[in-house]
PDB file of N, CA and C in Angstrom:
ATOM      1  N   MET A   1       0.846  -1.165   0.000  1.00  0.00           N
ATOM      2  CA  MET A   1       0.000   0.000   0.000  1.00  0.00           C
ATOM      3  C   MET A   1       0.896   1.235   0.000  1.00  0.00           C
ATOM      4  N   THR A   2       0.555   2.199  -0.824  1.00  0.00           N
ATOM      5  CA  THR A   2       1.373   3.403  -0.906  1.00  0.00           C
ATOM      6  C   THR A   2       1.098   4.307   0.278  1.00  0.00           C
ATOM      7  N   THR A   3       2.015   5.237   0.493  1.00  0.00           N
ATOM      8  CA  THR A   3       1.846   6.177   1.601  1.00  0.00           C
ATOM      9  C   THR A   3       0.583   6.989   1.427  1.00  0.00           C
ATOM     10  N   SER A   4       0.292   7.447   0.205  1.00  0.00           N
ATOM     11  CA  SER A   4      -0.908   8.257   0.010  1.00  0.00           C
ATOM     12  C   SER A   4      -2.153   7.433   0.280  1.00  0.00           C
ATOM     13  N   ALA A   5      -2.167   6.148  -0.068  1.00  0.00           N
ATOM     14  CA  ALA A   5      -3.317   5.289   0.218  1.00  0.00           C
ATOM     15  C   ALA A   5      -3.462   5.080   1.720  1.00  0.00           C
ATOM     16  N   ILE A   6      -2.355   4.896   2.409  1.00  0.00           N
ATOM     17  CA  ILE A   6      -2.402   4.745   3.865  1.00  0.00           C
ATOM     18  C   ILE A   6      -2.918   6.038   4.483  1.00  0.00           C
ATOM     19  N   ALA A   7      -2.394   7.161   4.073  1.00  0.00           N
ATOM     20  CA  ALA A   7      -2.784   8.445   4.642  1.00  0.00           C
ATOM     21  C   ALA A   7      -4.265   8.704   4.451  1.00  0.00           C
ATOM     22  N   GLN A   8      -4.789   8.399   3.291  1.00  0.00           N
ATOM     23  CA  GLN A   8      -6.190   8.687   3.013  1.00  0.00           C
ATOM     24  C   GLN A   8      -7.125   7.733   3.732  1.00  0.00           C
ATOM     25  N   SER A   9      -6.804   6.468   3.776  1.00  0.00           N
ATOM     26  CA  SER A   9      -7.743   5.496   4.331  1.00  0.00           C
ATOM     27  C   SER A   9      -7.593   5.263   5.826  1.00  0.00           C
ATOM     28  N   ASP A  10      -6.404   5.385   6.358  1.00  0.00           N
ATOM     29  CA  ASP A  10      -6.169   4.982   7.741  1.00  0.00           C
ATOM     30  C   ASP A  10      -5.934   6.114   8.726  1.00  0.00           C
ATOM     31  N   VAL A  11      -5.614   7.283   8.270  1.00  0.00           N
ATOM     32  CA  VAL A  11      -5.352   8.362   9.216  1.00  0.00           C
ATOM     33  C   VAL A  11      -6.285   9.542   9.040  1.00  0.00           C
ATOM     34  N   GLN A  12      -7.170   9.476   8.066  1.00  0.00           N
ATOM     35  CA  GLN A  12      -8.121  10.562   7.866  1.00  0.00           C
ATOM     36  C   GLN A  12      -8.976  10.722   9.118  1.00  0.00           C
ATOM     37  N   GLY A  13      -9.074  11.934   9.592  1.00  0.00           N
ATOM     38  CA  GLY A  13      -9.886  12.217  10.772  1.00  0.00           C
ATOM     39  C   GLY A  13      -9.155  12.099  12.099  1.00  0.00           C
ATOM     40  N   LEU A  14      -7.950  11.554  12.099  1.00  0.00           N
ATOM     41  CA  LEU A  14      -7.190  11.480  13.346  1.00  0.00           C
ATOM     42  C   LEU A  14      -6.683  12.867  13.715  1.00  0.00           C
ATOM     43  N   ARG A  15      -6.625  13.125  14.997  1.00  0.00           N
ATOM     44  CA  ARG A  15      -6.024  14.367  15.470  1.00  0.00           C
ATOM     45  C   ARG A  15      -4.705  14.014  16.131  1.00  0.00           C
ATOM     46  N   LEU A  16      -3.653  14.700  15.740  1.00  0.00           N
ATOM     47  CA  LEU A  16      -2.317  14.409  16.250  1.00  0.00           C
ATOM     48  C   LEU A  16      -1.734  15.635  16.926  1.00  0.00           C
ATOM     49  N   LEU A  17      -1.025  15.398  17.990  1.00  0.00           N
ATOM     50  CA  LEU A  17      -0.214  16.432  18.619  1.00  0.00           C
ATOM     51  C   LEU A  17       1.221  16.034  18.352  1.00  0.00           C
ATOM     52  N   ILE A  18       1.942  16.899  17.676  1.00  0.00           N
ATOM     53  CA  ILE A  18       3.345  16.611  17.370  1.00  0.00           C
ATOM     54  C   ILE A  18       4.196  17.588  18.170  1.00  0.00           C
ATOM     55  N   VAL A  19       5.038  17.051  19.009  1.00  0.00           N
ATOM     56  CA  VAL A  19       5.955  17.869  19.789  1.00  0.00           C
ATOM     57  C   VAL A  19       7.326  17.668  19.186  1.00  0.00           C
ATOM     58  N   GLU A  20       7.808  18.687  18.539  1.00  0.00           N
ATOM     59  CA  GLU A  20       9.103  18.613  17.866  1.00  0.00           C
ATOM     60  C   GLU A  20      10.223  18.712  18.892  1.00  0.00           C
ATOM     61  N   ASP A  21      11.194  17.848  18.766  1.00  0.00           N
ATOM     62  CA  ASP A  21      12.255  17.818  19.770  1.00  0.00           C
ATOM     63  C   ASP A  21      13.188  19.013  19.691  1.00  0.00           C
ATOM     64  N   GLU A  22      13.108  19.794  18.643  1.00  0.00           N
ATOM     65  CA  GLU A  22      13.926  21.014  18.622  1.00  0.00           C
ATOM     66  C   GLU A  22      13.531  21.907  19.788  1.00  0.00           C
ATOM     67  N   VAL A  23      12.268  21.876  20.133  1.00  0.00           N
ATOM     68  CA  VAL A  23      11.809  22.622  21.307  1.00  0.00           C
ATOM     69  C   VAL A  23      12.297  21.941  22.571  1.00  0.00           C
ATOM     70  N   LEU A  24      12.331  20.618  22.544  1.00  0.00           N
ATOM     71  CA  LEU A  24      12.711  19.863  23.737  1.00  0.00           C
ATOM     72  C   LEU A  24      14.208  19.918  24.026  1.00  0.00           C
ATOM     73  N   VAL A  25      15.004  20.349  23.056  1.00  0.00           N
ATOM     74  CA  VAL A  25      16.445  20.403  23.281  1.00  0.00           C
ATOM     75  C   VAL A  25      16.753  21.265  24.500  1.00  0.00           C
ATOM     76  N   GLY A  26      16.054  22.373  24.624  1.00  0.00           N
ATOM     77  CA  GLY A  26      16.277  23.252  25.763  1.00  0.00           C
ATOM     78  C   GLY A  26      15.566  22.778  27.011  1.00  0.00           C
ATOM     79  N   MET A  27      14.682  21.816  26.863  1.00  0.00           N
ATOM     80  CA  MET A  27      13.932  21.290  27.994  1.00  0.00           C
ATOM     81  C   MET A  27      14.729  20.148  28.610  1.00  0.00           C
ATOM     82  N   ALA A  28      14.763  20.113  29.897  1.00  0.00           N
ATOM     83  CA  ALA A  28      15.469  19.023  30.566  1.00  0.00           C
ATOM     84  C   ALA A  28      14.822  17.694  30.184  1.00  0.00           C
ATOM     85  N   LEU A  29      15.641  16.685  30.017  1.00  0.00           N
ATOM     86  CA  LEU A  29      15.140  15.354  29.697  1.00  0.00           C
ATOM     87  C   LEU A  29      14.073  14.928  30.699  1.00  0.00           C
ATOM     88  N   GLU A  30      14.280  15.296  31.934  1.00  0.00           N
ATOM     89  CA  GLU A  30      13.333  14.956  32.994  1.00  0.00           C
ATOM     90  C   GLU A  30      11.933  15.478  32.679  1.00  0.00           C
ATOM     91  N   ARG A  31      11.839  16.687  32.162  1.00  0.00           N
ATOM     92  CA  ARG A  31      10.536  17.269  31.813  1.00  0.00           C
ATOM     93  C   ARG A  31       9.926  16.564  30.618  1.00  0.00           C
ATOM     94  N   ALA A  32      10.734  16.207  29.646  1.00  0.00           N
ATOM     95  CA  ALA A  32      10.223  15.502  28.471  1.00  0.00           C
ATOM     96  C   ALA A  32       9.670  14.138  28.870  1.00  0.00           C
ATOM     97  N   LEU A  33      10.354  13.449  29.750  1.00  0.00           N
ATOM     98  CA  LEU A  33       9.890  12.141  30.202  1.00  0.00           C
ATOM     99  C   LEU A  33       8.640  12.271  31.066  1.00  0.00           C
ATOM    100  N   LYS A  34       8.527  13.353  31.810  1.00  0.00           N
ATOM    101  CA  LYS A  34       7.324  13.607  32.591  1.00  0.00           C
ATOM    102  C   LYS A  34       6.131  13.773  31.651  1.00  0.00           C
ATOM    103  N   MET A  35       6.351  14.436  30.521  1.00  0.00           N
ATOM    104  CA  MET A  35       5.303  14.595  29.530  1.00  0.00           C
ATOM    105  C   MET A  35       4.835  13.222  29.040  1.00  0.00           C
ATOM    106  N   ALA A  36       5.766  12.331  28.780  1.00  0.00           N
ATOM    107  CA  ALA A  36       5.417  10.974  28.354  1.00  0.00           C
ATOM    108  C   ALA A  36       4.624  10.257  29.446  1.00  0.00           C
ATOM    109  N   ASP A  37       5.008  10.450  30.697  1.00  0.00           N
ATOM    110  CA  ASP A  37       4.286   9.827  31.812  1.00  0.00           C
ATOM    111  C   ASP A  37       2.839  10.320  31.877  1.00  0.00           C
ATOM    112  N   ILE A  38       2.652  11.612  31.694  1.00  0.00           N
ATOM    113  CA  ILE A  38       1.300  12.183  31.732  1.00  0.00           C
ATOM    114  C   ILE A  38       0.456  11.636  30.589  1.00  0.00           C
ATOM    115  N   LEU A  39       1.037  11.552  29.403  1.00  0.00           N
ATOM    116  CA  LEU A  39       0.303  10.990  28.266  1.00  0.00           C
ATOM    117  C   LEU A  39      -0.105   9.547  28.546  1.00  0.00           C
ATOM    118  N   SER A  40       0.787   8.781  29.127  1.00  0.00           N
ATOM    119  CA  SER A  40       0.474   7.385  29.478  1.00  0.00           C
ATOM    120  C   SER A  40      -0.644   7.316  30.511  1.00  0.00           C
ATOM    121  N   GLU A  41      -0.547   8.129  31.549  1.00  0.00           N
ATOM    122  CA  GLU A  41      -1.559   8.138  32.609  1.00  0.00           C
ATOM    123  C   GLU A  41      -2.942   8.456  32.054  1.00  0.00           C
ATOM    124  N   ARG A  42      -2.983   9.277  31.008  1.00  0.00           N
ATOM    125  CA  ARG A  42      -4.266   9.693  30.422  1.00  0.00           C
ATOM    126  C   ARG A  42      -4.665   8.831  29.228  1.00  0.00           C
ATOM    127  N   SER A  43      -3.929   7.753  29.021  1.00  0.00           N
ATOM    128  CA  SER A  43      -4.215   6.786  27.950  1.00  0.00           C
ATOM    129  C   SER A  43      -4.142   7.385  26.547  1.00  0.00           C
ATOM    130  N   PHE A  44      -3.269   8.372  26.358  1.00  0.00           N
ATOM    131  CA  PHE A  44      -3.018   8.907  25.037  1.00  0.00           C
ATOM    132  C   PHE A  44      -1.990   8.029  24.338  1.00  0.00           C
ATOM    133  N   LEU A  45      -2.186   7.818  23.063  1.00  0.00           N
ATOM    134  CA  LEU A  45      -1.187   7.111  22.268  1.00  0.00           C
ATOM    135  C   LEU A  45      -0.131   8.108  21.828  1.00  0.00           C
ATOM    136  N   TYR A  46       1.108   7.711  21.903  1.00  0.00           N
ATOM    137  CA  TYR A  46       2.196   8.583  21.475  1.00  0.00           C
ATOM    138  C   TYR A  46       3.364   7.731  21.021  1.00  0.00           C
ATOM    139  N   LEU A  47       4.272   8.380  20.356  1.00  0.00           N
ATOM    140  CA  LEU A  47       5.488   7.705  19.904  1.00  0.00           C
ATOM    141  C   LEU A  47       6.678   8.581  20.241  1.00  0.00           C
ATOM    142  N   PHE A  48       7.833   7.986  20.188  1.00  0.00           N
ATOM    143  CA  PHE A  48       9.076   8.723  20.379  1.00  0.00           C
ATOM    144  C   PHE A  48       9.759   8.884  19.029  1.00  0.00           C
ATOM    145  N   ALA A  49      10.090  10.101  18.685  1.00  0.00           N
ATOM    146  CA  ALA A  49      10.889  10.383  17.496  1.00  0.00           C
ATOM    147  C   ALA A  49      12.269  10.764  18.007  1.00  0.00           C
ATOM    148  N   THR A  50      13.223   9.904  17.768  1.00  0.00           N
ATOM    149  CA  THR A  50      14.540  10.103  18.367  1.00  0.00           C
ATOM    150  C   THR A  50      15.642   9.549  17.483  1.00  0.00           C
ATOM    151  N   GLY A  51      16.772  10.136  17.577  1.00  0.00           N
ATOM    152  CA  GLY A  51      17.940   9.624  16.886  1.00  0.00           C
ATOM    153  C   GLY A  51      18.630   8.514  17.659  1.00  0.00           C
ATOM    154  N   TYR A  52      18.204   8.307  18.886  1.00  0.00           N
ATOM    155  CA  TYR A  52      18.826   7.294  19.741  1.00  0.00           C
ATOM    156  C   TYR A  52      18.171   5.922  19.608  1.00  0.00           C
ATOM    157  N   GLY A  53      16.999   5.865  18.972  1.00  0.00           N
ATOM    158  CA  GLY A  53      16.305   4.597  18.828  1.00  0.00           C
ATOM    159  C   GLY A  53      15.785   4.104  20.153  1.00  0.00           C
ATOM    160  N   ILE A  54      15.360   2.873  20.173  1.00  0.00           N
ATOM    161  CA  ILE A  54      14.780   2.295  21.391  1.00  0.00           C
ATOM    162  C   ILE A  54      15.788   2.225  22.535  1.00  0.00           C
ATOM    163  N   GLU A  55      17.071   2.159  22.195  1.00  0.00           N
ATOM    164  CA  GLU A  55      18.108   2.094  23.228  1.00  0.00           C
ATOM    165  C   GLU A  55      18.148   3.351  24.079  1.00  0.00           C
ATOM    166  N   GLY A  56      17.653   4.468  23.558  1.00  0.00           N
ATOM    167  CA  GLY A  56      17.662   5.722  24.299  1.00  0.00           C
ATOM    168  C   GLY A  56      16.470   5.902  25.219  1.00  0.00           C
ATOM    169  N   LEU A  57      15.574   4.917  25.253  1.00  0.00           N
ATOM    170  CA  LEU A  57      14.364   5.035  26.063  1.00  0.00           C
ATOM    171  C   LEU A  57      14.517   4.369  27.424  1.00  0.00           C
ATOM    172  N   ARG A  58      13.698   4.835  28.347  1.00  0.00           N
ATOM    173  CA  ARG A  58      13.616   4.165  29.640  1.00  0.00           C
ATOM    174  C   ARG A  58      12.980   2.795  29.420  1.00  0.00           C
ATOM    175  N   GLU A  59      13.241   1.886  30.302  1.00  0.00           N
ATOM    176  CA  GLU A  59      12.665   0.545  30.191  1.00  0.00           C
ATOM    177  C   GLU A  59      11.146   0.618  30.107  1.00  0.00           C
ATOM    178  N   SER A  60      10.536   1.504  30.881  1.00  0.00           N
ATOM    179  CA  SER A  60       9.078   1.627  30.905  1.00  0.00           C
ATOM    180  C   SER A  60       8.496   2.190  29.611  1.00  0.00           C
ATOM    181  N   ASP A  61       9.336   2.770  28.755  1.00  0.00           N
ATOM    182  CA  ASP A  61       8.871   3.352  27.498  1.00  0.00           C
ATOM    183  C   ASP A  61       9.140   2.467  26.286  1.00  0.00           C
ATOM    184  N   LYS A  62       9.801   1.367  26.473  1.00  0.00           N
ATOM    185  CA  LYS A  62      10.237   0.552  25.333  1.00  0.00           C
ATOM    186  C   LYS A  62       9.100  -0.159  24.611  1.00  0.00           C
ATOM    187  N   ASP A  63       7.886  -0.084  25.159  1.00  0.00           N
ATOM    188  CA  ASP A  63       6.731  -0.648  24.452  1.00  0.00           C
ATOM    189  C   ASP A  63       6.080   0.371  23.515  1.00  0.00           C
ATOM    190  N   LYS A  64       6.562   1.590  23.520  1.00  0.00           N
ATOM    191  CA  LYS A  64       6.026   2.644  22.663  1.00  0.00           C
ATOM    192  C   LYS A  64       6.699   2.596  21.291  1.00  0.00           C
ATOM    193  N   PRO A  65       5.959   3.019  20.259  1.00  0.00           N
ATOM    194  CA  PRO A  65       6.577   3.064  18.928  1.00  0.00           C
ATOM    195  C   PRO A  65       7.711   4.089  18.892  1.00  0.00           C
ATOM    196  N   VAL A  66       8.727   3.776  18.116  1.00  0.00           N
ATOM    197  CA  VAL A  66       9.863   4.678  17.947  1.00  0.00           C
ATOM    198  C   VAL A  66      10.000   5.021  16.477  1.00  0.00           C
ATOM    199  N   LEU A  67      10.047   6.294  16.201  1.00  0.00           N
ATOM    200  CA  LEU A  67      10.280   6.803  14.861  1.00  0.00           C
ATOM    201  C   LEU A  67      11.737   7.233  14.822  1.00  0.00           C
ATOM    202  N   GLN A  68      12.560   6.434  14.165  1.00  0.00           N
ATOM    203  CA  GLN A  68      14.001   6.676  14.144  1.00  0.00           C
ATOM    204  C   GLN A  68      14.325   7.863  13.247  1.00  0.00           C
ATOM    205  N   LYS A  69      15.064   8.817  13.770  1.00  0.00           N
ATOM    206  CA  LYS A  69      15.515   9.949  12.946  1.00  0.00           C
ATOM    207  C   LYS A  69      16.660   9.488  12.068  1.00  0.00           C
ATOM    208  N   SER A  70      16.794   9.932  10.938  1.00  0.00           N
ATOM    209  CA  SER A  70      15.963  10.900  10.266  1.00  0.00           C
ATOM    210  C   SER A  70      14.824  10.167   9.576  1.00  0.00           C
ATOM    211  N   TYR A  71      13.628  10.649   9.787  1.00  0.00           N
ATOM    212  CA  TYR A  71      12.433   9.993   9.273  1.00  0.00           C
ATOM    213  C   TYR A  71      11.740  10.911   8.280  1.00  0.00           C
ATOM    214  N   ASN A  72      10.753  10.350   7.602  1.00  0.00           N
ATOM    215  CA  ASN A  72       9.964  11.150   6.680  1.00  0.00           C
ATOM    216  C   ASN A  72       8.485  10.959   6.994  1.00  0.00           C
ATOM    217  N   PHE A  73       7.652  11.651   6.267  1.00  0.00           N
ATOM    218  CA  PHE A  73       6.219  11.613   6.500  1.00  0.00           C
ATOM    219  C   PHE A  73       5.673  10.194   6.372  1.00  0.00           C
ATOM    220  N   ALA A  74       6.162   9.438   5.416  1.00  0.00           N
ATOM    221  CA  ALA A  74       5.690   8.064   5.212  1.00  0.00           C
ATOM    222  C   ALA A  74       5.958   7.207   6.448  1.00  0.00           C
ATOM    223  N   ASP A  75       7.104   7.398   7.085  1.00  0.00           N
ATOM    224  CA  ASP A  75       7.427   6.641   8.310  1.00  0.00           C
ATOM    225  C   ASP A  75       6.428   6.973   9.423  1.00  0.00           C
ATOM    226  N   LEU A  76       6.120   8.250   9.575  1.00  0.00           N
ATOM    227  CA  LEU A  76       5.161   8.684  10.595  1.00  0.00           C
ATOM    228  C   LEU A  76       3.784   8.083  10.317  1.00  0.00           C
ATOM    229  N   ILE A  77       3.341   8.151   9.082  1.00  0.00           N
ATOM    230  CA  ILE A  77       2.024   7.639   8.710  1.00  0.00           C
ATOM    231  C   ILE A  77       1.925   6.143   8.972  1.00  0.00           C
ATOM    232  N   ARG A  78       2.978   5.389   8.697  1.00  0.00           N
ATOM    233  CA  ARG A  78       2.953   3.936   8.932  1.00  0.00           C
ATOM    234  C   ARG A  78       2.684   3.604  10.402  1.00  0.00           C
ATOM    235  N   ILE A  79       3.302   4.357  11.296  1.00  0.00           N
ATOM    236  CA  ILE A  79       3.092   4.113  12.731  1.00  0.00           C
ATOM    237  C   ILE A  79       1.701   4.561  13.156  1.00  0.00           C
ATOM    238  N   VAL A  80       1.317   5.757  12.775  1.00  0.00           N
ATOM    239  CA  VAL A  80       0.034   6.306  13.204  1.00  0.00           C
ATOM    240  C   VAL A  80      -1.129   5.495  12.628  1.00  0.00           C
ATOM    241  N   ALA A  81      -0.986   4.986  11.423  1.00  0.00           N
ATOM    242  CA  ALA A  81      -2.053   4.192  10.810  1.00  0.00           C
ATOM    243  C   ALA A  81      -2.371   2.941  11.622  1.00  0.00           C
ATOM    244  N   ARG A  82      -1.415   2.427  12.347  1.00  0.00           N
ATOM    245  CA  ARG A  82      -1.649   1.248  13.198  1.00  0.00           C
ATOM    246  C   ARG A  82      -2.608   1.544  14.347  1.00  0.00           C
ATOM    247  N   TRP A  83      -2.753   2.822  14.708  1.00  0.00           N
ATOM    248  CA  TRP A  83      -3.632   3.193  15.806  1.00  0.00           C
ATOM    249  C   TRP A  83      -5.105   3.154  15.409  1.00  0.00           C
ATOM    250  N   ARG A  84      -5.406   3.280  14.118  1.00  0.00           N
ATOM    251  CA  ARG A  84      -6.795   3.316  13.653  1.00  0.00           C
ATOM    252  C   ARG A  84      -7.583   2.086  14.117  1.00  0.00           C
ATOM    253  N   PRO A  85      -7.064   0.872  14.001  1.00  0.00           N
ATOM    254  CA  PRO A  85      -7.836  -0.292  14.458  1.00  0.00           C
ATOM    255  C   PRO A  85      -8.126  -0.270  15.955  1.00  0.00           C
ATOM    256  N   LEU A  86      -7.419   0.560  16.703  1.00  0.00           N
ATOM    257  CA  LEU A  86      -7.630   0.647  18.142  1.00  0.00           C
ATOM    258  C   LEU A  86      -8.806   1.573  18.481  1.00  0.00           C
ATOM    259  N   GLY A  87      -9.419   2.123  17.433  1.00  0.00           N
ATOM    260  CA  GLY A  87     -10.569   3.003  17.646  1.00  0.00           C
ATOM    261  C   GLY A  87     -10.192   4.431  17.914  1.00  0.00           C
ATOM    262  N   VAL A  88      -8.994   4.807  17.561  1.00  0.00           N
ATOM    263  CA  VAL A  88      -8.528   6.169  17.801  1.00  0.00           C
ATOM    264  C   VAL A  88      -9.085   7.084  16.747  1.00  0.00           C
TER     265      VAL A  88
END
Protein backbone atom coordinates (compact mmCIF):
# COMPACT_ATOMS: atom_id res chain seq x y z
CA MET A 1 0.00 0.00 0.00
CA THR A 2 1.37 3.40 -0.91
CA THR A 3 1.85 6.18 1.60
CA SER A 4 -0.91 8.26 0.01
CA ALA A 5 -3.32 5.29 0.22
CA ILE A 6 -2.40 4.75 3.87
CA ALA A 7 -2.78 8.44 4.64
CA GLN A 8 -6.19 8.69 3.01
CA SER A 9 -7.74 5.50 4.33
CA ASP A 10 -6.17 4.98 7.74
CA VAL A 11 -5.35 8.36 9.22
CA GLN A 12 -8.12 10.56 7.87
CA GLY A 13 -9.89 12.22 10.77
CA LEU A 14 -7.19 11.48 13.35
CA ARG A 15 -6.02 14.37 15.47
CA LEU A 16 -2.32 14.41 16.25
CA LEU A 17 -0.21 16.43 18.62
CA ILE A 18 3.34 16.61 17.37
CA VAL A 19 5.96 17.87 19.79
CA GLU A 20 9.10 18.61 17.87
CA ASP A 21 12.25 17.82 19.77
CA GLU A 22 13.93 21.01 18.62
CA VAL A 23 11.81 22.62 21.31
CA LEU A 24 12.71 19.86 23.74
CA VAL A 25 16.44 20.40 23.28
CA GLY A 26 16.28 23.25 25.76
CA MET A 27 13.93 21.29 27.99
CA ALA A 28 15.47 19.02 30.57
CA LEU A 29 15.14 15.35 29.70
CA GLU A 30 13.33 14.96 32.99
CA ARG A 31 10.54 17.27 31.81
CA ALA A 32 10.22 15.50 28.47
CA LEU A 33 9.89 12.14 30.20
CA LYS A 34 7.32 13.61 32.59
CA MET A 35 5.30 14.60 29.53
CA ALA A 36 5.42 10.97 28.35
CA ASP A 37 4.29 9.83 31.81
CA ILE A 38 1.30 12.18 31.73
CA LEU A 39 0.30 10.99 28.27
CA SER A 40 0.47 7.38 29.48
CA GLU A 41 -1.56 8.14 32.61
CA ARG A 42 -4.27 9.69 30.42
CA SER A 43 -4.21 6.79 27.95
CA PHE A 44 -3.02 8.91 25.04
CA LEU A 45 -1.19 7.11 22.27
CA TYR A 46 2.20 8.58 21.48
CA LEU A 47 5.49 7.71 19.90
CA PHE A 48 9.08 8.72 20.38
CA ALA A 49 10.89 10.38 17.50
CA THR A 50 14.54 10.10 18.37
CA GLY A 51 17.94 9.62 16.89
CA TYR A 52 18.83 7.29 19.74
CA GLY A 53 16.30 4.60 18.83
CA ILE A 54 14.78 2.30 21.39
CA GLU A 55 18.11 2.09 23.23
CA GLY A 56 17.66 5.72 24.30
CA LEU A 57 14.36 5.04 26.06
CA ARG A 58 13.62 4.16 29.64
CA GLU A 59 12.67 0.55 30.19
CA SER A 60 9.08 1.63 30.91
CA ASP A 61 8.87 3.35 27.50
CA LYS A 62 10.24 0.55 25.33
CA ASP A 63 6.73 -0.65 24.45
CA LYS A 64 6.03 2.64 22.66
CA PRO A 65 6.58 3.06 18.93
CA VAL A 66 9.86 4.68 17.95
CA LEU A 67 10.28 6.80 14.86
CA GLN A 68 14.00 6.68 14.14
CA LYS A 69 15.51 9.95 12.95
CA SER A 70 15.96 10.90 10.27
CA TYR A 71 12.43 9.99 9.27
CA ASN A 72 9.96 11.15 6.68
CA PHE A 73 6.22 11.61 6.50
CA ALA A 74 5.69 8.06 5.21
CA ASP A 75 7.43 6.64 8.31
CA LEU A 76 5.16 8.68 10.60
CA ILE A 77 2.02 7.64 8.71
CA ARG A 78 2.95 3.94 8.93
CA ILE A 79 3.09 4.11 12.73
CA VAL A 80 0.03 6.31 13.20
CA ALA A 81 -2.05 4.19 10.81
CA ARG A 82 -1.65 1.25 13.20
CA TRP A 83 -3.63 3.19 15.81
CA ARG A 84 -6.79 3.32 13.65
CA PRO A 85 -7.84 -0.29 14.46
CA LEU A 86 -7.63 0.65 18.14
CA GLY A 87 -10.57 3.00 17.65
CA VAL A 88 -8.53 6.17 17.80
